[in-house]
Amino acid sequence: MSVIVFQVQSILIFSLILFGIYLIKQRKVSSHVKTMKIAMAWDILLILQIELNRGAIAKASKVIQNALILNIHVLLAVGTVVLYAFVFRSGGKVLSGDRSIYLTHKRLGVYTVAARFLTLVTSFMI
């Protein structure tokens, strides 16, 4: 049962991220920022839920014994969280008026969305 709850949350989080992208395309910067912060926070909370319910870190630490897809999934999930930190920081700089980092922020955003999408896809494979 908990697997279904986690999958539904994951789909909702990714949908929220896509909605955040839509908002920036509509030039609704304030709403974009709020939406993306909520999506990132919710995603990190989801990781904590999975850890508390399934001991994900202990399972993931058995790299040699794990199926390849599980190792790929864990790498993508960790990479996504790391990218969240970079995109959050660069977004803060853009908001504070540093337009020189906008292109970097946009590229980081694309990489983050791609990593999150692949995390979602691989979660259905494990």
C-alpha atoms as a PDB file:
ATOM      1  CA  MET A   1       0.000   0.000   0.000  1.00  0.00           C
ATOM      2  CA  SER A   2       2.735   2.471   0.905  1.00  0.00           C
ATOM      3  CA  VAL A   3       4.332   1.974  -2.515  1.00  0.00           C
ATOM      4  CA  ILE A   4       1.197   3.323  -4.183  1.00  0.00           C
ATOM      5  CA  VAL A   5       1.125   6.332  -1.843  1.00  0.00           C
ATOM      6  CA  PHE A   6       4.779   7.077  -2.637  1.00  0.00           C
ATOM      7  CA  GLN A   7       4.197   6.716  -6.394  1.00  0.00           C
ATOM      8  CA  VAL A   8       1.159   9.012  -6.317  1.00  0.00           C
ATOM      9  CA  GLN A   9       3.128  11.620  -4.382  1.00  0.00           C
ATOM     10  CA  SER A  10       5.987  11.324  -6.848  1.00  0.00           C
ATOM     11  CA  ILE A  11       3.652  11.886  -9.794  1.00  0.00           C
ATOM     12  CA  LEU A  12       2.053  14.870  -8.042  1.00  0.00           C
ATOM     13  CA  ILE A  13       5.469  16.369  -7.284  1.00  0.00           C
ATOM     14  CA  PHE A  14       6.561  16.028 -10.896  1.00  0.00           C
ATOM     15  CA  SER A  15       3.247  17.550 -12.017  1.00  0.00           C
ATOM     16  CA  LEU A  16       3.857  20.461  -9.657  1.00  0.00           C
ATOM     17  CA  ILE A  17       7.311  20.945 -11.175  1.00  0.00           C
ATOM     18  CA  LEU A  18       5.772  21.029 -14.657  1.00  0.00           C
ATOM     19  CA  PHE A  19       3.205  23.553 -13.414  1.00  0.00           C
ATOM     20  CA  GLY A  20       6.081  25.675 -12.073  1.00  0.00           C
ATOM     21  CA  ILE A  21       7.669  25.616 -15.521  1.00  0.00           C
ATOM     22  CA  TYR A  22       4.349  26.694 -17.026  1.00  0.00           C
ATOM     23  CA  LEU A  23       4.200  29.597 -14.572  1.00  0.00           C
ATOM     24  CA  ILE A  24       7.620  30.918 -15.582  1.00  0.00           C
ATOM     25  CA  LYS A  25       6.617  30.676 -19.248  1.00  0.00           C
ATOM     26  CA  GLN A  26       3.634  32.875 -18.291  1.00  0.00           C
ATOM     27  CA  ARG A  27       6.074  35.305 -16.597  1.00  0.00           C
ATOM     28  CA  LYS A  28       4.548  34.675 -13.170  1.00  0.00           C
ATOM     29  CA  VAL A  29       7.878  34.705 -11.356  1.00  0.00           C
ATOM     30  CA  SER A  30       6.538  34.915  -7.806  1.00  0.00           C
ATOM     31  CA  SER A  31       4.179  31.985  -8.346  1.00  0.00           C
ATOM     32  CA  HIS A  32       6.958  30.024 -10.078  1.00  0.00           C
ATOM     33  CA  VAL A  33       9.274  30.493  -7.105  1.00  0.00           C
ATOM     34  CA  LYS A  34       6.642  29.445  -4.570  1.00  0.00           C
ATOM     35  CA  THR A  35       5.574  26.420  -6.619  1.00  0.00           C
ATOM     36  CA  MET A  36       9.115  25.190  -7.141  1.00  0.00           C
ATOM     37  CA  LYS A  37      10.005  25.632  -3.471  1.00  0.00           C
ATOM     38  CA  ILE A  38       6.943  23.600  -2.504  1.00  0.00           C
ATOM     39  CA  ALA A  39       7.803  20.885  -5.047  1.00  0.00           C
ATOM     40  CA  MET A  40      11.417  20.632  -3.854  1.00  0.00           C
ATOM     41  CA  ALA A  41      10.449  20.574  -0.178  1.00  0.00           C
ATOM     42  CA  TRP A  42       7.739  17.981  -0.808  1.00  0.00           C
ATOM     43  CA  ASP A  43      10.192  15.837  -2.781  1.00  0.00           C
ATOM     44  CA  ILE A  44      12.716  15.910   0.063  1.00  0.00           C
ATOM     45  CA  LEU A  45       9.933  15.042   2.517  1.00  0.00           C
ATOM     46  CA  LEU A  46       8.982  12.129   0.265  1.00  0.00           C
ATOM     47  CA  ILE A  47      12.545  10.827   0.483  1.00  0.00           C
ATOM     48  CA  LEU A  48      12.319  11.058   4.276  1.00  0.00           C
ATOM     49  CA  GLN A  49       8.984   9.202   4.231  1.00  0.00           C
ATOM     50  CA  ILE A  50      10.469   6.436   2.113  1.00  0.00           C
ATOM     51  CA  GLU A  51      13.465   6.169   4.430  1.00  0.00           C
ATOM     52  CA  LEU A  52      11.301   6.004   7.553  1.00  0.00           C
ATOM     53  CA  ASN A  53       8.928   3.437   6.062  1.00  0.00           C
ATOM     54  CA  ARG A  54      11.254   1.259   4.022  1.00  0.00           C
ATOM     55  CA  GLY A  55      14.805   1.828   5.225  1.00  0.00           C
ATOM     56  CA  ALA A  56      15.851   3.043   1.791  1.00  0.00           C
ATOM     57  CA  ILE A  57      19.344   4.132   2.826  1.00  0.00           C
ATOM     58  CA  ALA A  58      20.202   0.709   4.221  1.00  0.00           C
ATOM     59  CA  LYS A  59      18.959  -0.945   1.025  1.00  0.00           C
ATOM     60  CA  ALA A  60      20.750   1.541  -1.206  1.00  0.00           C
ATOM     61  CA  SER A  61      24.028   1.111   0.656  1.00  0.00           C
ATOM     62  CA  LYS A  62      24.206  -2.523  -0.490  1.00  0.00           C
ATOM     63  CA  VAL A  63      25.347  -1.410  -3.935  1.00  0.00           C
ATOM     64  CA  ILE A  64      27.009  -4.680  -4.908  1.00  0.00           C
ATOM     65  CA  GLN A  65      23.944  -6.758  -4.019  1.00  0.00           C
ATOM     66  CA  ASN A  66      21.373  -4.401  -5.552  1.00  0.00           C
ATOM     67  CA  ALA A  67      19.872  -4.723  -9.003  1.00  0.00           C
ATOM     68  CA  LEU A  68      21.385  -2.305 -11.505  1.00  0.00           C
ATOM     69  CA  ILE A  69      18.108  -0.404 -11.874  1.00  0.00           C
ATOM     70  CA  LEU A  70      17.967   0.234  -8.113  1.00  0.00           C
ATOM     71  CA  ASN A  71      21.496   1.646  -8.171  1.00  0.00           C
ATOM     72  CA  ILE A  72      20.594   3.855 -11.144  1.00  0.00           C
ATOM     73  CA  HIS A  73      17.438   5.012  -9.366  1.00  0.00           C
ATOM     74  CA  VAL A  74      19.349   5.883  -6.185  1.00  0.00           C
ATOM     75  CA  LEU A  75      21.989   7.767  -8.185  1.00  0.00           C
ATOM     76  CA  LEU A  76      19.289   9.751  -9.978  1.00  0.00           C
ATOM     77  CA  ALA A  77      17.421  10.504  -6.740  1.00  0.00           C
ATOM     78  CA  VAL A  78      20.566  11.717  -4.982  1.00  0.00           C
ATOM     79  CA  GLY A  79      21.583  13.675  -8.076  1.00  0.00           C
ATOM     80  CA  THR A  80      18.181  15.348  -8.175  1.00  0.00           C
ATOM     81  CA  VAL A  81      18.503  16.522  -4.574  1.00  0.00           C
ATOM     82  CA  VAL A  82      22.001  17.867  -5.267  1.00  0.00           C
ATOM     83  CA  LEU A  83      20.654  19.672  -8.320  1.00  0.00           C
ATOM     84  CA  TYR A  84      17.860  21.114  -6.163  1.00  0.00           C
ATOM     85  CA  ALA A  85      20.517  22.789  -4.035  1.00  0.00           C
ATOM     86  CA  PHE A  86      22.237  24.309  -7.074  1.00  0.00           C
ATOM     87  CA  VAL A  87      19.021  25.439  -8.758  1.00  0.00           C
ATOM     88  CA  PHE A  88      17.747  26.886  -5.466  1.00  0.00           C
ATOM     89  CA  ARG A  89      20.962  28.868  -4.982  1.00  0.00           C
ATOM     90  CA  SER A  90      21.121  30.117  -8.554  1.00  0.00           C
ATOM     91  CA  GLY A  91      17.418  31.024  -8.442  1.00  0.00           C
ATOM     92  CA  GLY A  92      18.053  33.103  -5.334  1.00  0.00           C
ATOM     93  CA  LYS A  93      20.784  34.981  -7.171  1.00  0.00           C
ATOM     94  CA  VAL A  94      18.494  35.610 -10.137  1.00  0.00           C
ATOM     95  CA  LEU A  95      15.796  36.910  -7.786  1.00  0.00           C
ATOM     96  CA  SER A  96      18.285  39.238  -6.122  1.00  0.00           C
ATOM     97  CA  GLY A  97      18.972  40.839  -9.493  1.00  0.00           C
ATOM     98  CA  ASP A  98      21.975  38.902 -10.799  1.00  0.00           C
ATOM     99  CA  ARG A  99      20.832  38.387 -14.383  1.00  0.00           C
ATOM    100  CA  SER A 100      24.267  37.054 -15.388  1.00  0.00           C
ATOM    101  CA  ILE A 101      23.416  33.707 -13.785  1.00  0.00           C
ATOM    102  CA  TYR A 102      19.993  33.365 -15.423  1.00  0.00           C
ATOM    103  CA  LEU A 103      21.216  31.085 -18.225  1.00  0.00           C
ATOM    104  CA  THR A 104      23.023  28.874 -15.699  1.00  0.00           C
ATOM    105  CA  HIS A 105      19.857  28.716 -13.587  1.00  0.00           C
ATOM    106  CA  LYS A 106      17.805  27.775 -16.630  1.00  0.00           C
ATOM    107  CA  ARG A 107      20.245  25.009 -17.627  1.00  0.00           C
ATOM    108  CA  LEU A 108      20.337  23.691 -14.064  1.00  0.00           C
ATOM    109  CA  GLY A 109      16.535  23.691 -14.120  1.00  0.00           C
ATOM    110  CA  VAL A 110      16.484  21.589 -17.291  1.00  0.00           C
ATOM    111  CA  TYR A 111      18.966  19.095 -15.809  1.00  0.00           C
ATOM    112  CA  THR A 112      16.964  18.971 -12.570  1.00  0.00           C
ATOM    113  CA  VAL A 113      13.664  18.312 -14.340  1.00  0.00           C
ATOM    114  CA  ALA A 114      15.302  15.613 -16.475  1.00  0.00           C
ATOM    115  CA  ALA A 115      16.839  13.953 -13.408  1.00  0.00           C
ATOM    116  CA  ARG A 116      13.514  14.111 -11.548  1.00  0.00           C
ATOM    117  CA  PHE A 117      11.678  12.626 -14.521  1.00  0.00           C
ATOM    118  CA  LEU A 118      14.174   9.774 -14.769  1.00  0.00           C
ATOM    119  CA  THR A 119      13.869   9.224 -11.019  1.00  0.00           C
ATOM    120  CA  LEU A 120      10.099   8.935 -11.457  1.00  0.00           C
ATOM    121  CA  VAL A 121      10.453   6.500 -14.370  1.00  0.00           C
ATOM    122  CA  THR A 122      12.985   4.285 -12.599  1.00  0.00           C
ATOM    123  CA  SER A 123      10.857   4.227  -9.443  1.00  0.00           C
ATOM    124  CA  PHE A 124       8.288   2.212 -11.395  1.00  0.00           C
ATOM    125  CA  MET A 125      10.986  -0.281 -12.399  1.00  0.00           C
ATOM    126  CA  ILE A 126      12.157  -1.231  -8.917  1.00  0.00           C
END
